[in-house]
Amino acid sequence: MDGTTEPIIAVIGHPIAGNPSQFAIERALAAHQLDWRVLSFDVHPEHIAAALEGFKVTGIAGVVIAPSVMRVAADWYATKTGMPATAIDCLYRDEDLQFRATYEQQAWVDGIMDSHAPANRLWIGDRDDTLPISVDNFSDADFAANPTIETIAAANLIVLAGNVGDITNLDVDEWPSNDGSTVVVDLTEEHPYEMAITDLGYQWIGCHQRWVGMLSRCFERWTGIKPTDEVISDAIEEYLGV
């Protein structure tokens, strides 16, 4: 990274087709008139370590790590640092130009939780430490596979976790209406009851919002500039044809 070429951001995953991250990052760079490049790489999980080693010694300024290769990327970083393997989705350069890894989607979701603290929290679905949320922020009493209507009414932060098929029997028709003060964080990737729940007045944090939050935090890590969520959100929707 000698400054003779424009900085490069890499997006890495397998498969990488259909991933809007490059398009969204390019839009954010253009909005801030930054002369950077973004490249996407389809790399099989067994070659992720080699790819990341290559990025270390090139002009790659930062990396977005897709969920499909997150586990092997975490193993690579743990080997390099001697730290326990934890999920990562972003690489950035520190002051010594060494790669540092973070889990920006989890940090963004945890920020949403912190903004609603103290909260009556409810986790519906299986407990899963691999999801982009700090499970340690929940007590055993917060977990409920089949919560009562009273429990739902008392909660002001609700997490939907696990496979969609595991928690589709939510009896949403029985949920009380909400004044918008309760946030539902969907970690199931497009839950089928999103519209029904939002129609009742609940705030909804789903895959799209988490993606926007993650890319926004990554962008700020790389450039020192906080982009507007609207630019990234609009780019993702345009790319996906929403």
Protein backbone atom coordinates (compact mmCIF):
# COMPACT_ATOMS: atom_id res chain seq x y z
CA MET A 1 0.00 0.00 0.00
CA ASP A 2 2.42 2.66 -1.23
CA GLY A 3 -0.23 5.13 -2.37
CA THR A 4 0.63 4.86 -6.07
CA THR A 5 -2.75 3.30 -6.91
CA GLU A 6 -6.26 3.85 -5.67
CA PRO A 7 -7.28 1.79 -2.62
CA ILE A 8 -9.13 -1.44 -3.37
CA ILE A 9 -11.96 -3.07 -1.44
CA ALA A 10 -12.56 -6.79 -1.99
CA VAL A 11 -15.83 -8.67 -1.56
CA ILE A 12 -15.24 -12.39 -1.12
CA GLY A 13 -17.63 -15.33 -0.99
CA HIS A 14 -18.81 -18.54 -2.65
CA PRO A 15 -20.93 -18.11 -4.62
CA ILE A 16 -20.56 -14.36 -5.07
CA ALA A 17 -23.11 -13.87 -7.85
CA GLY A 18 -26.16 -12.00 -6.60
CA ASN A 19 -24.30 -10.32 -3.75
CA PRO A 20 -25.06 -6.56 -3.90
CA SER A 21 -22.19 -5.51 -1.63
CA GLN A 22 -19.89 -4.32 -4.43
CA PHE A 23 -22.63 -2.26 -6.05
CA ALA A 24 -23.64 -0.69 -2.73
CA ILE A 25 -20.06 0.14 -1.74
CA GLU A 26 -19.41 1.71 -5.14
CA ARG A 27 -22.46 3.93 -4.71
CA ALA A 28 -21.27 5.04 -1.27
CA LEU A 29 -17.77 5.77 -2.62
CA ALA A 30 -19.25 7.83 -5.46
CA ALA A 31 -21.46 9.75 -3.03
CA HIS A 32 -18.33 10.82 -1.14
CA GLN A 33 -16.24 11.33 -4.29
CA LEU A 34 -13.66 8.74 -3.24
CA ASP A 35 -11.52 7.32 -6.04
CA TRP A 36 -11.48 3.74 -4.79
CA ARG A 37 -12.14 0.45 -6.57
CA VAL A 38 -14.28 -2.50 -5.48
CA LEU A 39 -13.71 -6.03 -6.75
CA SER A 40 -15.70 -9.20 -6.07
CA PHE A 41 -14.06 -12.63 -5.88
CA ASP A 42 -15.76 -16.02 -5.99
CA VAL A 43 -13.44 -18.17 -3.89
CA HIS A 44 -14.18 -21.71 -2.74
CA PRO A 45 -13.97 -22.07 1.05
CA GLU A 46 -10.92 -24.33 0.81
CA HIS A 47 -9.01 -21.49 -0.89
CA ILE A 48 -10.12 -18.64 1.39
CA ALA A 49 -6.97 -18.74 3.53
CA ALA A 50 -4.75 -18.46 0.45
CA ALA A 51 -6.85 -15.60 -0.92
CA LEU A 52 -6.70 -13.66 2.34
CA GLU A 53 -2.96 -14.21 2.57
CA GLY A 54 -2.69 -12.71 -0.90
CA PHE A 55 -4.81 -9.73 0.09
CA LYS A 56 -2.46 -9.07 3.01
CA VAL A 57 0.49 -8.32 0.73
CA THR A 58 -1.38 -6.41 -1.97
CA GLY A 59 -3.08 -3.03 -2.08
CA ILE A 60 -6.35 -4.37 -0.71
CA ALA A 61 -7.51 -1.81 1.84
CA GLY A 62 -10.44 -3.79 3.18
CA VAL A 63 -12.51 -6.92 2.70
CA VAL A 64 -16.18 -7.82 3.04
CA ILE A 65 -16.53 -11.49 3.97
CA ALA A 66 -19.79 -13.12 2.86
CA PRO A 67 -21.56 -15.51 5.25
CA SER A 68 -20.79 -18.44 2.93
CA VAL A 69 -17.08 -18.26 3.78
CA MET A 70 -17.21 -16.58 7.19
CA ARG A 71 -16.32 -19.71 9.16
CA VAL A 72 -13.12 -20.49 7.23
CA ALA A 73 -12.13 -16.81 7.25
CA ALA A 74 -12.55 -16.80 11.03
CA ASP A 75 -10.33 -19.88 11.30
CA TRP A 76 -7.68 -18.17 9.17
CA TYR A 77 -7.72 -15.05 11.33
CA ALA A 78 -7.60 -17.08 14.54
CA THR A 79 -4.54 -18.94 13.26
CA LYS A 80 -2.81 -15.66 12.43
CA THR A 81 -3.58 -13.96 15.73
CA GLY A 82 -3.57 -16.88 18.15
CA MET A 83 -7.03 -15.82 19.31
CA PRO A 84 -10.15 -18.02 19.54
CA ALA A 85 -12.06 -18.30 16.27
CA THR A 86 -15.05 -15.96 16.25
CA ALA A 87 -17.21 -14.86 13.35
CA ILE A 88 -15.85 -12.03 11.18
CA ASP A 89 -17.32 -10.18 8.21
CA CYS A 90 -14.92 -7.25 7.76
CA LEU A 91 -11.17 -6.76 7.40
CA TYR A 92 -9.57 -3.32 7.62
CA ARG A 93 -6.03 -1.96 7.94
CA ASP A 94 -4.80 -0.67 11.29
CA GLU A 95 -2.22 2.10 11.79
CA ASP A 96 0.55 -0.38 11.00
CA LEU A 97 -1.29 -1.43 7.82
CA GLN A 98 -2.01 -4.87 9.26
CA PHE A 99 -5.37 -6.52 8.76
CA ARG A 100 -7.76 -6.40 11.69
CA ALA A 101 -11.03 -8.32 11.70
CA THR A 102 -14.43 -7.40 13.11
CA TYR A 103 -17.98 -8.73 13.04
CA GLU A 104 -19.73 -5.56 11.96
CA GLN A 105 -23.20 -7.00 11.49
CA GLN A 106 -23.22 -8.22 15.08
CA ALA A 107 -21.88 -4.87 16.28
CA TRP A 108 -24.69 -3.10 14.42
CA VAL A 109 -27.40 -5.39 15.84
CA ASP A 110 -25.95 -5.05 19.34
CA GLY A 111 -26.11 -1.29 18.87
CA ILE A 112 -29.83 -1.60 18.17
CA MET A 113 -30.20 -3.60 21.37
CA ASP A 114 -28.22 -1.06 23.38
CA SER A 115 -30.44 1.73 22.11
CA HIS A 116 -33.42 -0.09 23.65
CA ALA A 117 -31.84 -0.83 27.02
CA PRO A 118 -33.04 -1.52 29.60
CA ALA A 119 -35.49 -3.74 27.78
CA ASN A 120 -37.82 -6.63 28.37
CA ARG A 121 -36.24 -9.01 25.90
CA LEU A 122 -37.75 -12.08 24.27
CA TRP A 123 -35.90 -14.62 22.11
CA ILE A 124 -38.20 -16.85 20.04
CA GLY A 125 -36.49 -19.88 18.51
CA ASP A 126 -33.38 -21.92 19.17
CA ARG A 127 -30.48 -20.42 21.06
CA ASP A 128 -27.63 -20.07 18.56
CA ASP A 129 -24.23 -18.53 19.35
CA THR A 130 -23.35 -18.24 15.64
CA LEU A 131 -26.01 -15.62 14.86
CA PRO A 132 -25.09 -11.92 14.46
CA ILE A 133 -26.17 -10.96 17.95
CA SER A 134 -24.56 -11.26 21.38
CA VAL A 135 -26.45 -14.13 23.00
CA ASP A 136 -24.80 -13.30 26.33
CA ASN A 137 -27.01 -10.20 26.50
CA PHE A 138 -30.01 -12.49 27.10
CA SER A 139 -30.84 -14.31 30.31
CA ASP A 140 -32.20 -17.85 30.34
CA ALA A 141 -35.63 -16.43 31.13
CA ASP A 142 -35.61 -14.47 27.86
CA PHE A 143 -35.68 -17.62 25.71
CA ALA A 144 -39.06 -19.07 24.76
CA ALA A 145 -39.88 -21.54 22.00
CA ASN A 146 -43.63 -20.90 22.36
CA PRO A 147 -44.15 -17.58 24.15
CA THR A 148 -47.51 -16.61 25.55
CA ILE A 149 -49.36 -13.56 24.27
CA GLU A 150 -48.71 -11.91 27.64
CA THR A 151 -44.96 -12.45 27.23
CA ILE A 152 -45.03 -10.91 23.75
CA ALA A 153 -47.04 -7.93 24.99
CA ALA A 154 -44.53 -7.30 27.79
CA ALA A 155 -41.48 -7.39 25.51
CA ASN A 156 -40.05 -4.31 23.86
CA LEU A 157 -37.31 -6.19 22.00
CA ILE A 158 -38.11 -9.50 20.29
CA VAL A 159 -35.60 -11.70 18.44
CA LEU A 160 -36.73 -14.30 15.90
CA ALA A 161 -33.97 -16.88 15.52
CA GLY A 162 -33.33 -20.27 13.95
CA ASN A 163 -34.64 -21.76 10.72
CA VAL A 164 -37.79 -20.16 9.37
CA GLY A 165 -39.59 -23.48 9.46
CA ASP A 166 -38.89 -23.86 13.16
CA ILE A 167 -40.78 -20.74 14.24
CA THR A 168 -43.51 -20.19 11.69
CA ASN A 169 -46.23 -21.16 14.18
CA LEU A 170 -46.17 -17.82 15.94
CA ASP A 171 -49.94 -17.28 16.03
CA VAL A 172 -49.33 -13.74 14.82
CA ASP A 173 -53.08 -13.24 14.57
CA GLU A 174 -53.09 -13.36 18.36
CA TRP A 175 -50.27 -10.83 18.82
CA PRO A 176 -51.32 -7.54 20.41
CA SER A 177 -51.00 -4.37 18.37
CA ASN A 178 -48.00 -2.17 19.14
CA ASP A 179 -47.36 1.56 19.24
CA GLY A 180 -44.01 1.20 17.46
CA SER A 181 -41.95 1.03 20.63
CA THR A 182 -41.19 -2.69 20.29
CA VAL A 183 -38.45 -3.80 17.90
CA VAL A 184 -38.52 -7.22 16.24
CA VAL A 185 -35.06 -8.37 15.09
CA ASP A 186 -35.40 -11.07 12.44
CA LEU A 187 -32.37 -13.37 12.21
CA THR A 188 -34.16 -15.97 10.07
CA GLU A 189 -33.51 -14.37 6.66
CA GLU A 190 -36.85 -13.09 5.36
CA HIS A 191 -39.43 -14.37 7.81
CA PRO A 192 -42.84 -14.96 6.16
CA TYR A 193 -44.69 -13.05 8.90
CA GLU A 194 -42.82 -9.77 8.41
CA MET A 195 -45.76 -7.93 6.86
CA ALA A 196 -48.24 -9.27 9.39
CA ILE A 197 -46.03 -8.19 12.29
CA THR A 198 -45.25 -4.73 10.90
CA ASP A 199 -48.94 -4.19 10.16
CA LEU A 200 -49.50 -4.53 13.91
CA GLY A 201 -47.16 -1.57 14.48
CA TYR A 202 -43.92 -3.31 15.47
CA GLN A 203 -40.58 -1.99 14.21
CA TRP A 204 -38.86 -4.58 11.99
CA ILE A 205 -35.12 -5.16 11.67
CA GLY A 206 -34.55 -7.78 8.99
CA CYS A 207 -31.93 -9.02 6.57
CA HIS A 208 -31.96 -5.82 4.50
CA GLN A 209 -31.46 -3.49 7.46
CA ARG A 210 -28.71 -5.70 8.89
CA TRP A 211 -26.92 -5.74 5.54
CA VAL A 212 -27.10 -1.96 5.29
CA GLY A 213 -25.84 -1.57 8.84
CA MET A 214 -22.94 -3.96 8.26
CA LEU A 215 -21.79 -2.27 5.04
CA SER A 216 -22.11 1.18 6.61
CA ARG A 217 -19.88 0.17 9.52
CA CYS A 218 -17.35 -1.48 7.17
CA PHE A 219 -17.25 1.63 5.00
CA GLU A 220 -16.50 3.79 8.02
CA ARG A 221 -13.74 1.40 9.09
CA TRP A 222 -12.03 1.70 5.70
CA THR A 223 -12.50 5.38 4.93
CA GLY A 224 -13.15 7.11 8.25
CA ILE A 225 -16.38 8.43 6.73
CA LYS A 226 -19.85 7.39 7.85
CA PRO A 227 -22.04 7.00 4.75
CA THR A 228 -25.75 7.63 4.74
CA ASP A 229 -27.77 4.46 5.18
CA GLU A 230 -30.13 5.64 2.43
CA VAL A 231 -27.41 5.48 -0.25
CA ILE A 232 -26.50 1.90 0.65
CA SER A 233 -30.11 0.81 1.12
CA ASP A 234 -31.22 2.25 -2.22
CA ALA A 235 -28.28 0.58 -3.98
CA ILE A 236 -29.09 -2.83 -2.52
CA GLU A 237 -32.75 -2.50 -3.49
CA GLU A 238 -31.82 -1.40 -7.00
CA TYR A 239 -29.38 -4.29 -7.43
CA LEU A 240 -31.89 -6.84 -6.20
CA GLY A 241 -34.70 -5.28 -8.22
CA VAL A 242 -36.85 -4.65 -5.16
